[in-house]
Amino acid sequence: MRHQYYEQLDRIIDDLVRVTDRVRRSVGEATSALLDTDVPTAERVISAGGDIETAVDEIEERALVLLATQQPVATDLRQLVATLRMVADLQRMSALAVHVAKIARRRAPEAAVPSPVRPLIGDMARVGDAMIASASRIVAGRDLDAAAELELEDDRMDRLRRDLFRVLLDSDWEHGVDTAIDLALLGRYYERIGDHAVSMGRRVVFLVTGEMPVG
């Protein structure tokens, strides 16, 4: 009976990693839709959001069933609690990818990102992608060193967002208020994607050590 229980725990973590990878693809496709003014890709990201939501709900339900029926203690309890927290992070990252895609769709056929800020948005997207990839590896391998490095990537993301605001607030800005608002939102979306990746890393630290890092 306990063997089956641990198999179920392992499957939950495996599925958590798979959904994290799906979220990463969704964020990447949303960025492509944004920078390439690709409406079909934007639509695909928006549609995939519901599928990811379903997958996350299934993981959450299975974790809750184990929590209610097996009365886990110590590391097993921490694993289930961390899983429940991480599925919430994945839900938010998926929703943020959908928000990015919706901006791309709304602005089409015009480009949502003017050329002066394309490098900044591209850098934010690349850092976000790397952070989600790191979160996936951290969850799969319980790598505490990688979790610490993820915090450094979060600092880089914060710097990029500040750089974006400096461009938007510059007196030479000539792309209008609506575009500036969209770009401010995009900066926030990518920053929050990184924040949720960091949160997942911290949950793994909690799982392994029993202590939650202070951000």
N, C-alpha and C. Protein backbone atom coordinates (compact mmCIF):
# COMPACT_ATOMS: atom_id res chain seq x y z
N MET A 1 0.84 -1.20 0.00
CA MET A 1 0.00 0.00 0.00
C MET A 1 0.87 1.25 0.00
N ARG A 2 1.93 1.28 0.85
CA ARG A 2 2.80 2.44 0.89
C ARG A 2 3.60 2.57 -0.40
N HIS A 3 3.92 1.44 -1.02
CA HIS A 3 4.63 1.49 -2.30
C HIS A 3 3.79 2.24 -3.33
N GLN A 4 2.50 1.92 -3.37
CA GLN A 4 1.60 2.59 -4.29
C GLN A 4 1.50 4.08 -3.96
N TYR A 5 1.50 4.39 -2.70
CA TYR A 5 1.44 5.79 -2.26
C TYR A 5 2.65 6.57 -2.78
N TYR A 6 3.85 5.99 -2.64
CA TYR A 6 5.05 6.70 -3.11
C TYR A 6 5.09 6.78 -4.63
N GLU A 7 4.54 5.80 -5.30
CA GLU A 7 4.42 5.91 -6.76
C GLU A 7 3.53 7.08 -7.15
N GLN A 8 2.45 7.25 -6.42
CA GLN A 8 1.55 8.37 -6.69
C GLN A 8 2.23 9.71 -6.43
N LEU A 9 3.02 9.79 -5.36
CA LEU A 9 3.78 11.00 -5.08
C LEU A 9 4.74 11.31 -6.22
N ASP A 10 5.45 10.29 -6.68
CA ASP A 10 6.41 10.49 -7.77
C ASP A 10 5.71 10.93 -9.05
N ARG A 11 4.55 10.37 -9.33
CA ARG A 11 3.81 10.75 -10.55
C ARG A 11 3.35 12.20 -10.47
N ILE A 12 2.97 12.63 -9.28
CA ILE A 12 2.56 14.03 -9.12
C ILE A 12 3.71 14.96 -9.46
N ILE A 13 4.92 14.66 -8.97
CA ILE A 13 6.08 15.50 -9.28
C ILE A 13 6.40 15.45 -10.77
N ASP A 14 6.35 14.25 -11.36
CA ASP A 14 6.61 14.13 -12.80
C ASP A 14 5.62 14.97 -13.60
N ASP A 15 4.36 14.93 -13.21
CA ASP A 15 3.35 15.71 -13.92
C ASP A 15 3.54 17.20 -13.69
N LEU A 16 3.99 17.56 -12.51
CA LEU A 16 4.27 18.97 -12.22
C LEU A 16 5.37 19.49 -13.15
N VAL A 17 6.40 18.68 -13.36
CA VAL A 17 7.48 19.06 -14.27
C VAL A 17 6.96 19.18 -15.70
N ARG A 18 6.13 18.23 -16.12
CA ARG A 18 5.58 18.29 -17.48
C ARG A 18 4.73 19.55 -17.69
N VAL A 19 3.92 19.89 -16.72
CA VAL A 19 3.10 21.09 -16.86
C VAL A 19 3.98 22.34 -16.85
N THR A 20 5.03 22.34 -16.04
CA THR A 20 5.96 23.47 -16.06
C THR A 20 6.55 23.66 -17.45
N ASP A 21 6.91 22.56 -18.10
CA ASP A 21 7.45 22.64 -19.46
C ASP A 21 6.39 23.14 -20.45
N ARG A 22 5.14 22.76 -20.24
CA ARG A 22 4.06 23.27 -21.10
C ARG A 22 3.88 24.77 -20.91
N VAL A 23 3.96 25.21 -19.68
CA VAL A 23 3.86 26.65 -19.40
C VAL A 23 5.02 27.39 -20.07
N ARG A 24 6.21 26.81 -20.01
CA ARG A 24 7.36 27.44 -20.67
C ARG A 24 7.11 27.59 -22.16
N ARG A 25 6.60 26.54 -22.80
CA ARG A 25 6.29 26.65 -24.24
C ARG A 25 5.25 27.72 -24.50
N SER A 26 4.26 27.81 -23.63
CA SER A 26 3.21 28.79 -23.80
C SER A 26 3.76 30.21 -23.71
N VAL A 27 4.64 30.45 -22.76
CA VAL A 27 5.26 31.77 -22.63
C VAL A 27 6.11 32.08 -23.86
N GLY A 28 6.85 31.09 -24.33
CA GLY A 28 7.67 31.29 -25.52
C GLY A 28 6.84 31.60 -26.75
N GLU A 29 5.74 30.88 -26.92
CA GLU A 29 4.87 31.14 -28.07
C GLU A 29 4.19 32.50 -27.95
N ALA A 30 3.82 32.89 -26.74
CA ALA A 30 3.22 34.21 -26.54
C ALA A 30 4.21 35.30 -26.94
N THR A 31 5.48 35.12 -26.60
CA THR A 31 6.50 36.09 -26.97
C THR A 31 6.67 36.14 -28.49
N SER A 32 6.68 34.99 -29.12
CA SER A 32 6.78 34.96 -30.59
C SER A 32 5.60 35.69 -31.22
N ALA A 33 4.41 35.44 -30.69
CA ALA A 33 3.22 36.13 -31.22
C ALA A 33 3.36 37.63 -31.04
N LEU A 34 3.92 38.05 -29.92
CA LEU A 34 4.07 39.47 -29.61
C LEU A 34 5.07 40.14 -30.55
N LEU A 35 6.24 39.53 -30.71
CA LEU A 35 7.32 40.17 -31.46
C LEU A 35 7.16 39.99 -32.97
N ASP A 36 6.43 38.95 -33.39
CA ASP A 36 6.25 38.68 -34.82
C ASP A 36 4.87 39.07 -35.33
N THR A 37 4.04 39.66 -34.48
CA THR A 37 2.65 40.02 -34.82
C THR A 37 1.96 38.80 -35.46
N ASP A 38 2.01 37.69 -34.73
CA ASP A 38 1.52 36.41 -35.23
C ASP A 38 0.21 36.07 -34.51
N VAL A 39 -0.91 36.43 -35.15
CA VAL A 39 -2.22 36.23 -34.51
C VAL A 39 -2.56 34.75 -34.32
N PRO A 40 -2.33 33.87 -35.31
CA PRO A 40 -2.64 32.45 -35.08
C PRO A 40 -1.91 31.87 -33.87
N THR A 41 -0.65 32.26 -33.69
CA THR A 41 0.08 31.77 -32.52
C THR A 41 -0.51 32.34 -31.23
N ALA A 42 -0.89 33.60 -31.27
CA ALA A 42 -1.53 34.21 -30.10
C ALA A 42 -2.81 33.46 -29.74
N GLU A 43 -3.60 33.14 -30.76
CA GLU A 43 -4.84 32.39 -30.52
C GLU A 43 -4.55 31.02 -29.93
N ARG A 44 -3.48 30.39 -30.39
CA ARG A 44 -3.13 29.06 -29.87
C ARG A 44 -2.76 29.14 -28.39
N VAL A 45 -2.02 30.18 -28.02
CA VAL A 45 -1.64 30.35 -26.62
C VAL A 45 -2.88 30.57 -25.75
N ILE A 46 -3.78 31.40 -26.24
CA ILE A 46 -5.00 31.69 -25.48
C ILE A 46 -5.83 30.43 -25.30
N SER A 47 -5.94 29.64 -26.36
CA SER A 47 -6.69 28.39 -26.27
C SER A 47 -6.02 27.38 -25.34
N ALA A 48 -4.68 27.32 -25.38
CA ALA A 48 -3.94 26.36 -24.55
C ALA A 48 -4.06 26.68 -23.07
N GLY A 49 -4.39 27.94 -22.75
CA GLY A 49 -4.52 28.30 -21.35
C GLY A 49 -5.53 27.45 -20.61
N GLY A 50 -6.64 27.13 -21.27
CA GLY A 50 -7.66 26.29 -20.65
C GLY A 50 -7.17 24.87 -20.42
N ASP A 51 -6.38 24.34 -21.38
CA ASP A 51 -5.85 22.98 -21.23
C ASP A 51 -4.87 22.91 -20.07
N ILE A 52 -4.03 23.92 -19.94
CA ILE A 52 -3.08 23.95 -18.83
C ILE A 52 -3.82 24.05 -17.50
N GLU A 53 -4.85 24.88 -17.48
CA GLU A 53 -5.66 25.02 -16.26
C GLU A 53 -6.23 23.67 -15.84
N THR A 54 -6.72 22.89 -16.80
CA THR A 54 -7.28 21.57 -16.50
C THR A 54 -6.21 20.65 -15.94
N ALA A 55 -5.02 20.66 -16.57
CA ALA A 55 -3.93 19.79 -16.11
C ALA A 55 -3.50 20.15 -14.69
N VAL A 56 -3.44 21.44 -14.40
CA VAL A 56 -3.07 21.89 -13.07
C VAL A 56 -4.12 21.48 -12.04
N ASP A 57 -5.39 21.63 -12.40
CA ASP A 57 -6.47 21.23 -11.50
C ASP A 57 -6.39 19.75 -11.15
N GLU A 58 -6.04 18.92 -12.14
CA GLU A 58 -5.94 17.48 -11.91
C GLU A 58 -4.81 17.16 -10.92
N ILE A 59 -3.67 17.83 -11.09
CA ILE A 59 -2.57 17.62 -10.15
C ILE A 59 -2.98 18.03 -8.74
N GLU A 60 -3.62 19.18 -8.64
CA GLU A 60 -4.07 19.68 -7.34
C GLU A 60 -5.04 18.70 -6.68
N GLU A 61 -5.96 18.17 -7.45
CA GLU A 61 -6.94 17.23 -6.90
C GLU A 61 -6.26 15.97 -6.37
N ARG A 62 -5.31 15.43 -7.15
CA ARG A 62 -4.61 14.22 -6.71
C ARG A 62 -3.79 14.49 -5.44
N ALA A 63 -3.17 15.65 -5.37
CA ALA A 63 -2.40 15.99 -4.17
C ALA A 63 -3.31 16.11 -2.96
N LEU A 64 -4.47 16.71 -3.14
CA LEU A 64 -5.41 16.86 -2.03
C LEU A 64 -5.95 15.51 -1.57
N VAL A 65 -6.17 14.60 -2.51
CA VAL A 65 -6.65 13.26 -2.15
C VAL A 65 -5.60 12.55 -1.29
N LEU A 66 -4.33 12.62 -1.69
CA LEU A 66 -3.28 11.99 -0.89
C LEU A 66 -3.17 12.65 0.47
N LEU A 67 -3.29 13.96 0.50
CA LEU A 67 -3.20 14.68 1.76
C LEU A 67 -4.32 14.25 2.72
N ALA A 68 -5.51 14.04 2.17
CA ALA A 68 -6.68 13.70 3.00
C ALA A 68 -6.70 12.24 3.41
N THR A 69 -6.20 11.36 2.55
CA THR A 69 -6.36 9.93 2.79
C THR A 69 -5.14 9.26 3.41
N GLN A 70 -3.94 9.83 3.21
CA GLN A 70 -2.72 9.17 3.68
C GLN A 70 -2.13 9.79 4.93
N GLN A 71 -2.61 10.98 5.29
CA GLN A 71 -2.11 11.69 6.48
C GLN A 71 -0.57 11.70 6.52
N PRO A 72 0.06 12.26 5.48
CA PRO A 72 1.53 12.24 5.42
C PRO A 72 2.15 13.12 6.50
N VAL A 73 3.39 12.81 6.84
CA VAL A 73 4.14 13.60 7.82
C VAL A 73 5.51 13.93 7.23
N ALA A 74 6.23 14.83 7.90
CA ALA A 74 7.60 15.19 7.57
C ALA A 74 7.76 15.54 6.09
N THR A 75 8.72 14.92 5.39
CA THR A 75 9.03 15.28 4.01
C THR A 75 7.85 15.06 3.08
N ASP A 76 7.11 13.98 3.28
CA ASP A 76 5.95 13.71 2.42
C ASP A 76 4.91 14.82 2.53
N LEU A 77 4.70 15.29 3.74
CA LEU A 77 3.75 16.39 3.94
C LEU A 77 4.25 17.65 3.25
N ARG A 78 5.54 17.93 3.42
CA ARG A 78 6.10 19.12 2.77
C ARG A 78 6.00 19.02 1.26
N GLN A 79 6.19 17.82 0.72
CA GLN A 79 6.10 17.66 -0.73
C GLN A 79 4.71 17.99 -1.24
N LEU A 80 3.69 17.52 -0.54
CA LEU A 80 2.32 17.79 -0.97
C LEU A 80 1.95 19.26 -0.79
N VAL A 81 2.39 19.85 0.33
CA VAL A 81 2.11 21.27 0.55
C VAL A 81 2.82 22.11 -0.51
N ALA A 82 4.08 21.77 -0.81
CA ALA A 82 4.83 22.50 -1.84
C ALA A 82 4.17 22.35 -3.20
N THR A 83 3.67 21.14 -3.49
CA THR A 83 2.99 20.91 -4.76
C THR A 83 1.77 21.80 -4.89
N LEU A 84 0.98 21.89 -3.85
CA LEU A 84 -0.22 22.72 -3.90
C LEU A 84 0.13 24.19 -4.12
N ARG A 85 1.23 24.63 -3.54
CA ARG A 85 1.66 26.01 -3.76
C ARG A 85 2.17 26.20 -5.19
N MET A 86 2.91 25.22 -5.70
CA MET A 86 3.49 25.35 -7.04
C MET A 86 2.44 25.30 -8.14
N VAL A 87 1.37 24.55 -7.95
CA VAL A 87 0.34 24.54 -8.99
C VAL A 87 -0.29 25.93 -9.11
N ALA A 88 -0.37 26.65 -7.99
CA ALA A 88 -0.88 28.02 -8.05
C ALA A 88 0.06 28.91 -8.86
N ASP A 89 1.38 28.73 -8.69
CA ASP A 89 2.35 29.48 -9.49
C ASP A 89 2.19 29.16 -10.97
N LEU A 90 2.00 27.90 -11.30
CA LEU A 90 1.85 27.51 -12.70
C LEU A 90 0.57 28.10 -13.30
N GLN A 91 -0.49 28.12 -12.53
CA GLN A 91 -1.73 28.74 -13.01
C GLN A 91 -1.52 30.20 -13.37
N ARG A 92 -0.80 30.92 -12.50
CA ARG A 92 -0.57 32.34 -12.75
C ARG A 92 0.35 32.55 -13.94
N MET A 93 1.40 31.74 -14.09
CA MET A 93 2.30 31.90 -15.23
C MET A 93 1.56 31.64 -16.54
N SER A 94 0.72 30.63 -16.54
CA SER A 94 -0.07 30.35 -17.74
C SER A 94 -0.99 31.52 -18.06
N ALA A 95 -1.64 32.07 -17.04
CA ALA A 95 -2.53 33.22 -17.25
C ALA A 95 -1.76 34.43 -17.76
N LEU A 96 -0.54 34.63 -17.29
CA LEU A 96 0.28 35.74 -17.75
C LEU A 96 0.69 35.57 -19.21
N ALA A 97 0.98 34.34 -19.61
CA ALA A 97 1.27 34.07 -21.03
C ALA A 97 0.06 34.43 -21.90
N VAL A 98 -1.13 34.10 -21.41
CA VAL A 98 -2.35 34.46 -22.14
C VAL A 98 -2.49 35.98 -22.23
N HIS A 99 -2.16 36.70 -21.18
CA HIS A 99 -2.23 38.17 -21.21
C HIS A 99 -1.29 38.73 -22.28
N VAL A 100 -0.08 38.17 -22.37
CA VAL A 100 0.87 38.61 -23.40
C VAL A 100 0.29 38.36 -24.79
N ALA A 101 -0.27 37.17 -24.98
CA ALA A 101 -0.85 36.83 -26.28
C ALA A 101 -2.02 37.74 -26.64
N LYS A 102 -2.79 38.12 -25.65
CA LYS A 102 -3.94 38.99 -25.92
C LYS A 102 -3.51 40.39 -26.36
N ILE A 103 -2.41 40.88 -25.81
CA ILE A 103 -1.89 42.16 -26.27
C ILE A 103 -1.44 42.04 -27.72
N ALA A 104 -0.76 40.94 -28.05
CA ALA A 104 -0.33 40.73 -29.44
C ALA A 104 -1.53 40.70 -30.37
N ARG A 105 -2.58 40.00 -29.96
CA ARG A 105 -3.78 39.88 -30.81
C ARG A 105 -4.49 41.23 -30.94
N ARG A 106 -4.60 41.95 -29.85
CA ARG A 106 -5.33 43.21 -29.88
C ARG A 106 -4.65 44.25 -30.76
N ARG A 107 -3.33 44.25 -30.78
CA ARG A 107 -2.59 45.26 -31.55
C ARG A 107 -2.46 44.92 -33.03
N ALA A 108 -2.64 43.66 -33.39
CA ALA A 108 -2.50 43.25 -34.79
C ALA A 108 -3.51 44.01 -35.66
N PRO A 109 -3.13 44.35 -36.90
CA PRO A 109 -1.89 43.98 -37.61
C PRO A 109 -0.69 44.86 -37.29
N GLU A 110 -0.87 45.84 -36.40
CA GLU A 110 0.28 46.66 -35.99
C GLU A 110 1.14 45.89 -35.00
N ALA A 111 2.42 46.24 -34.97
CA ALA A 111 3.32 45.62 -33.99
C ALA A 111 3.04 46.17 -32.61
N ALA A 112 2.94 45.29 -31.64
CA ALA A 112 2.68 45.73 -30.27
C ALA A 112 3.91 46.34 -29.62
N VAL A 113 5.09 45.96 -30.11
CA VAL A 113 6.35 46.39 -29.50
C VAL A 113 7.14 47.21 -30.52
N PRO A 114 7.25 48.52 -30.34
CA PRO A 114 8.03 49.35 -31.26
C PRO A 114 9.51 48.96 -31.23
N SER A 115 10.20 49.26 -32.30
CA SER A 115 11.59 48.84 -32.44
C SER A 115 12.52 49.31 -31.31
N PRO A 116 12.34 50.52 -30.73
CA PRO A 116 13.28 50.92 -29.67
C PRO A 116 13.26 50.02 -28.44
N VAL A 117 12.14 49.36 -28.18
CA VAL A 117 12.06 48.54 -26.96
C VAL A 117 12.05 47.04 -27.26
N ARG A 118 12.15 46.66 -28.51
CA ARG A 118 12.18 45.23 -28.83
C ARG A 118 13.34 44.50 -28.13
N PRO A 119 14.55 45.10 -28.12
CA PRO A 119 15.63 44.39 -27.41
C PRO A 119 15.33 44.16 -25.93
N LEU A 120 14.74 45.15 -25.28
CA LEU A 120 14.42 45.01 -23.86
C LEU A 120 13.37 43.93 -23.62
N ILE A 121 12.30 43.97 -24.40
CA ILE A 121 11.26 42.95 -24.24
C ILE A 121 11.81 41.58 -24.57
N GLY A 122 12.66 41.52 -25.61
CA GLY A 122 13.29 40.24 -25.95
C GLY A 122 14.15 39.71 -24.83
N ASP A 123 14.91 40.61 -24.19
CA ASP A 123 15.75 40.19 -23.06
C ASP A 123 14.90 39.71 -21.89
N MET A 124 13.81 40.42 -21.60
CA MET A 124 12.94 40.00 -20.50
C MET A 124 12.34 38.63 -20.79
N ALA A 125 11.95 38.42 -22.04
CA ALA A 125 11.38 37.12 -22.42
C ALA A 125 12.41 36.00 -22.28
N ARG A 126 13.65 36.28 -22.69
CA ARG A 126 14.69 35.26 -22.59
C ARG A 126 15.02 34.92 -21.13
N VAL A 127 15.08 35.95 -20.30
CA VAL A 127 15.33 35.70 -18.88
C VAL A 127 14.17 34.91 -18.27
N GLY A 128 12.94 35.29 -18.62
CA GLY A 128 11.78 34.56 -18.12
C GLY A 128 11.80 33.10 -18.55
N ASP A 129 12.15 32.86 -19.82
CA ASP A 129 12.24 31.49 -20.32
C ASP A 129 13.28 30.70 -19.55
N ALA A 130 14.45 31.30 -19.33
CA ALA A 130 15.50 30.61 -18.59
C ALA A 130 15.07 30.32 -17.15
N MET A 131 14.32 31.23 -16.56
CA MET A 131 13.87 31.04 -15.18
C MET A 131 12.86 29.90 -15.08
N ILE A 132 11.94 29.81 -16.05
CA ILE A 132 10.99 28.69 -16.02
C ILE A 132 11.72 27.37 -16.24
N ALA A 133 12.69 27.37 -17.17
CA ALA A 133 13.47 26.15 -17.41
C ALA A 133 14.20 25.73 -16.14
N SER A 134 14.76 26.71 -15.42
CA SER A 134 15.45 26.40 -14.17
C SER A 134 14.48 25.85 -13.14
N ALA A 135 13.30 26.45 -13.05
CA ALA A 135 12.30 25.97 -12.10
C ALA A 135 11.94 24.52 -12.38
N SER A 136 11.81 24.18 -13.68
CA SER A 136 11.50 22.79 -14.04
C SER A 136 12.60 21.84 -13.57
N ARG A 137 13.86 22.22 -13.80
CA ARG A 137 14.98 21.37 -13.37
C ARG A 137 15.05 21.27 -11.85
N ILE A 138 14.78 22.38 -11.19
CA ILE A 138 14.83 22.39 -9.72
C ILE A 138 13.78 21.45 -9.14
N VAL A 139 12.56 21.51 -9.68
CA VAL A 139 11.50 20.63 -9.20
C VAL A 139 11.85 19.17 -9.46
N ALA A 140 12.40 18.89 -10.65
CA ALA A 140 12.72 17.51 -11.01
C ALA A 140 13.87 16.95 -10.18
N GLY A 141 14.89 17.78 -9.91
CA GLY A 141 16.09 17.27 -9.26
C GLY A 141 16.36 17.77 -7.86
N ARG A 142 15.48 18.66 -7.34
CA ARG A 142 15.65 19.24 -6.00
C ARG A 142 17.04 19.85 -5.84
N ASP A 143 17.41 20.67 -6.83
CA ASP A 143 18.73 21.28 -6.90
C ASP A 143 18.72 22.61 -6.15
N LEU A 144 19.27 22.63 -4.96
CA LEU A 144 19.26 23.84 -4.14
C LEU A 144 20.19 24.92 -4.68
N ASP A 145 21.32 24.51 -5.29
CA ASP A 145 22.23 25.50 -5.88
C ASP A 145 21.54 26.23 -7.02
N ALA A 146 20.81 25.49 -7.85
CA ALA A 146 20.08 26.11 -8.96
C ALA A 146 18.99 27.05 -8.43
N ALA A 147 18.40 26.69 -7.30
CA ALA A 147 17.38 27.56 -6.71
C ALA A 147 17.99 28.89 -6.28
N ALA A 148 19.21 28.86 -5.76
CA ALA A 148 19.89 30.09 -5.36
C ALA A 148 20.23 30.93 -6.59
N GLU A 149 20.66 30.28 -7.67
CA GLU A 149 20.97 31.00 -8.91
C GLU A 149 19.73 31.65 -9.50
N LEU A 150 18.59 31.02 -9.29
CA LEU A 150 17.34 31.58 -9.80
C LEU A 150 17.05 32.94 -9.17
N GLU A 151 17.43 33.12 -7.94
CA GLU A 151 17.25 34.41 -7.28
C GLU A 151 18.07 35.50 -7.99
N LEU A 152 19.27 35.15 -8.47
CA LEU A 152 20.09 36.11 -9.20
C LEU A 152 19.46 36.48 -10.53
N GLU A 153 18.85 35.51 -11.20
CA GLU A 153 18.15 35.80 -12.45
C GLU A 153 16.96 36.73 -12.21
N ASP A 154 16.34 36.59 -11.05
CA ASP A 154 15.23 37.46 -10.71
C ASP A 154 15.71 38.91 -10.57
N ASP A 155 16.91 39.09 -10.02
CA ASP A 155 17.48 40.43 -9.92
C ASP A 155 17.71 41.02 -11.32
N ARG A 156 18.15 40.18 -12.25
CA ARG A 156 18.36 40.65 -13.62
C ARG A 156 17.04 41.07 -14.26
N MET A 157 15.99 40.29 -14.01
CA MET A 157 14.67 40.64 -14.54
C MET A 157 14.21 41.98 -13.98
N ASP A 158 14.42 42.21 -12.71
CA ASP A 158 14.03 43.48 -12.10
C ASP A 158 14.77 44.65 -12.74
N ARG A 159 16.06 44.46 -13.03
CA ARG A 159 16.84 45.53 -13.67
C ARG A 159 16.30 45.84 -15.07
N LEU A 160 15.94 44.80 -15.80
CA LEU A 160 15.40 45.00 -17.14
C LEU A 160 14.08 45.77 -17.10
N ARG A 161 13.26 45.47 -16.11
CA ARG A 161 11.99 46.19 -16.01
C ARG A 161 12.23 47.66 -15.69
N ARG A 162 13.20 47.94 -14.84
CA ARG A 162 13.52 49.34 -14.55
C ARG A 162 14.04 50.05 -15.80
N ASP A 163 14.84 49.33 -16.59
CA ASP A 163 15.33 49.91 -17.85
C ASP A 163 14.17 50.21 -18.78
N LEU A 164 13.18 49.32 -18.83
CA LEU A 164 12.02 49.54 -19.68
C LEU A 164 11.27 50.80 -19.25
N PHE A 165 11.10 50.98 -17.96
CA PHE A 165 10.39 52.17 -17.48
C PHE A 165 11.15 53.46 -17.82
N ARG A 166 12.47 53.39 -17.76
CA ARG A 166 13.24 54.57 -18.13
C ARG A 166 13.00 54.98 -19.57
N VAL A 167 12.90 53.97 -20.46
CA VAL A 167 12.61 54.26 -21.87
C VAL A 167 11.21 54.85 -22.02
N LEU A 168 10.23 54.26 -21.34
CA LEU A 168 8.85 54.72 -21.47
C LEU A 168 8.65 56.13 -20.93
N LEU A 169 9.43 56.51 -19.92
CA LEU A 169 9.28 57.82 -19.29
C LEU A 169 10.19 58.88 -19.88
N ASP A 170 11.00 58.48 -20.85
CA ASP A 170 11.91 59.43 -21.48
C ASP A 170 11.12 60.47 -22.28
N SER A 171 11.60 61.69 -22.28
CA SER A 171 10.91 62.76 -23.00
C SER A 171 10.90 62.55 -24.51
N ASP A 172 11.78 61.69 -25.00
CA ASP A 172 11.85 61.42 -26.44
C ASP A 172 10.86 60.34 -26.89
N TRP A 173 10.11 59.76 -25.94
CA TRP A 173 9.15 58.71 -26.31
C TRP A 173 8.12 59.26 -27.30
N GLU A 174 7.92 58.56 -28.42
CA GLU A 174 7.08 59.08 -29.48
C GLU A 174 6.06 58.07 -30.00
N HIS A 175 5.78 57.05 -29.19
CA HIS A 175 4.90 55.99 -29.67
C HIS A 175 3.53 56.00 -29.00
N GLY A 176 3.21 57.03 -28.27
CA GLY A 176 1.87 57.19 -27.75
C GLY A 176 1.66 56.59 -26.37
N VAL A 177 0.58 57.05 -25.75
CA VAL A 177 0.25 56.61 -24.39
C VAL A 177 -0.23 55.17 -24.37
N ASP A 178 -1.09 54.78 -25.33
CA ASP A 178 -1.64 53.42 -25.33
C ASP A 178 -0.53 52.38 -25.46
N THR A 179 0.43 52.65 -26.34
CA THR A 179 1.54 51.72 -26.51
C THR A 179 2.38 51.66 -25.24
N ALA A 180 2.59 52.81 -24.61
CA ALA A 180 3.36 52.83 -23.37
C ALA A 180 2.67 52.01 -22.27
N ILE A 181 1.35 52.11 -22.20
CA ILE A 181 0.60 51.34 -21.20
C ILE A 181 0.75 49.85 -21.46
N ASP A 182 0.61 49.45 -22.73
CA ASP A 182 0.77 48.03 -23.07
C ASP A 182 2.17 47.54 -22.69
N LEU A 183 3.17 48.34 -22.96
CA LEU A 183 4.54 47.93 -22.66
C LEU A 183 4.80 47.87 -21.16
N ALA A 184 4.20 48.80 -20.41
CA ALA A 184 4.32 48.74 -18.95
C ALA A 184 3.68 47.46 -18.43
N LEU A 185 2.54 47.09 -19.00
CA LEU A 185 1.89 45.84 -18.61
C LEU A 185 2.74 44.64 -18.98
N LEU A 186 3.31 44.66 -20.19
CA LEU A 186 4.16 43.54 -20.62
C LEU A 186 5.35 43.38 -19.68
N GLY A 187 5.95 44.50 -19.30
CA GLY A 187 7.06 44.43 -18.36
C GLY A 187 6.64 43.78 -17.05
N ARG A 188 5.46 44.15 -16.59
CA ARG A 188 4.93 43.57 -15.36
C ARG A 188 4.65 42.07 -15.54
N TYR A 189 4.10 41.69 -16.70
CA TYR A 189 3.79 40.27 -16.92
C TYR A 189 5.06 39.42 -16.88
N TYR A 190 6.10 39.87 -17.58
CA TYR A 190 7.33 39.08 -17.59
C TYR A 190 7.99 39.05 -16.21
N GLU A 191 7.95 40.18 -15.52
CA GLU A 191 8.50 40.21 -14.17
C GLU A 191 7.76 39.22 -13.26
N ARG A 192 6.44 39.17 -13.36
CA ARG A 192 5.66 38.26 -12.52
C ARG A 192 5.90 36.80 -12.90
N ILE A 193 6.10 36.54 -14.18
CA ILE A 193 6.46 35.18 -14.59
C ILE A 193 7.74 34.76 -13.87
N GLY A 194 8.73 35.65 -13.86
CA GLY A 194 9.96 35.35 -13.13
C GLY A 194 9.73 35.17 -11.65
N ASP A 195 8.88 36.01 -11.06
CA ASP A 195 8.58 35.89 -9.64
C ASP A 195 7.99 34.52 -9.30
N HIS A 196 7.10 34.04 -10.16
CA HIS A 196 6.48 32.73 -9.89
C HIS A 196 7.49 31.60 -10.05
N ALA A 197 8.43 31.75 -10.99
CA ALA A 197 9.48 30.74 -11.12
C ALA A 197 10.33 30.71 -9.85
N VAL A 198 10.66 31.89 -9.32
CA VAL A 198 11.42 31.97 -8.07
C VAL A 198 10.63 31.32 -6.94
N SER A 199 9.33 31.59 -6.90
CA SER A 199 8.49 31.00 -5.86
C SER A 199 8.56 29.47 -5.91
N MET A 200 8.55 28.91 -7.12
CA MET A 200 8.64 27.45 -7.25
C MET A 200 9.97 26.96 -6.70
N GLY A 201 11.05 27.69 -7.02
CA GLY A 201 12.36 27.30 -6.49
C GLY A 201 12.38 27.32 -4.97
N ARG A 202 11.76 28.34 -4.40
CA ARG A 202 11.72 28.44 -2.93
C ARG A 202 10.91 27.30 -2.33
N ARG A 203 9.87 26.87 -3.02
CA ARG A 203 9.08 25.74 -2.51
C ARG A 203 9.93 24.47 -2.45
N VAL A 204 10.83 24.32 -3.42
CA VAL A 204 11.70 23.14 -3.40
C VAL A 204 12.69 23.23 -2.24
N VAL A 205 13.20 24.42 -1.98
CA VAL A 205 14.07 24.59 -0.82
C VAL A 205 13.32 24.22 0.45
N PHE A 206 12.06 24.66 0.56
CA PHE A 206 11.23 24.28 1.71
C PHE A 206 11.05 22.77 1.78
N LEU A 207 10.83 22.16 0.62
CA LEU A 207 10.65 20.71 0.59
C LEU A 207 11.85 19.98 1.12
N VAL A 208 13.04 20.42 0.71
CA VAL A 208 14.28 19.70 1.07
C VAL A 208 14.73 20.04 2.50
N THR A 209 14.62 21.32 2.89
CA THR A 209 15.19 21.74 4.18
C THR A 209 14.17 21.92 5.28
N GLY A 210 12.90 22.08 4.90
CA GLY A 210 11.87 22.36 5.88
C GLY A 210 11.80 23.82 6.27
N GLU A 211 12.60 24.67 5.61
CA GLU A 211 12.61 26.11 5.88
C GLU A 211 12.34 26.88 4.60
N MET A 212 11.46 27.88 4.68
CA MET A 212 11.12 28.71 3.53
C MET A 212 12.08 29.88 3.45
N PRO A 213 12.82 30.03 2.31
CA PRO A 213 13.71 31.18 2.16
C PRO A 213 12.93 32.49 2.23
N VAL A 214 13.59 33.50 2.75
CA VAL A 214 12.98 34.83 2.82
C VAL A 214 13.42 35.62 1.61
N GLY A 215 12.45 36.14 0.82
CA GLY A 215 12.78 36.89 -0.39
C GLY A 215 13.10 38.34 -0.08
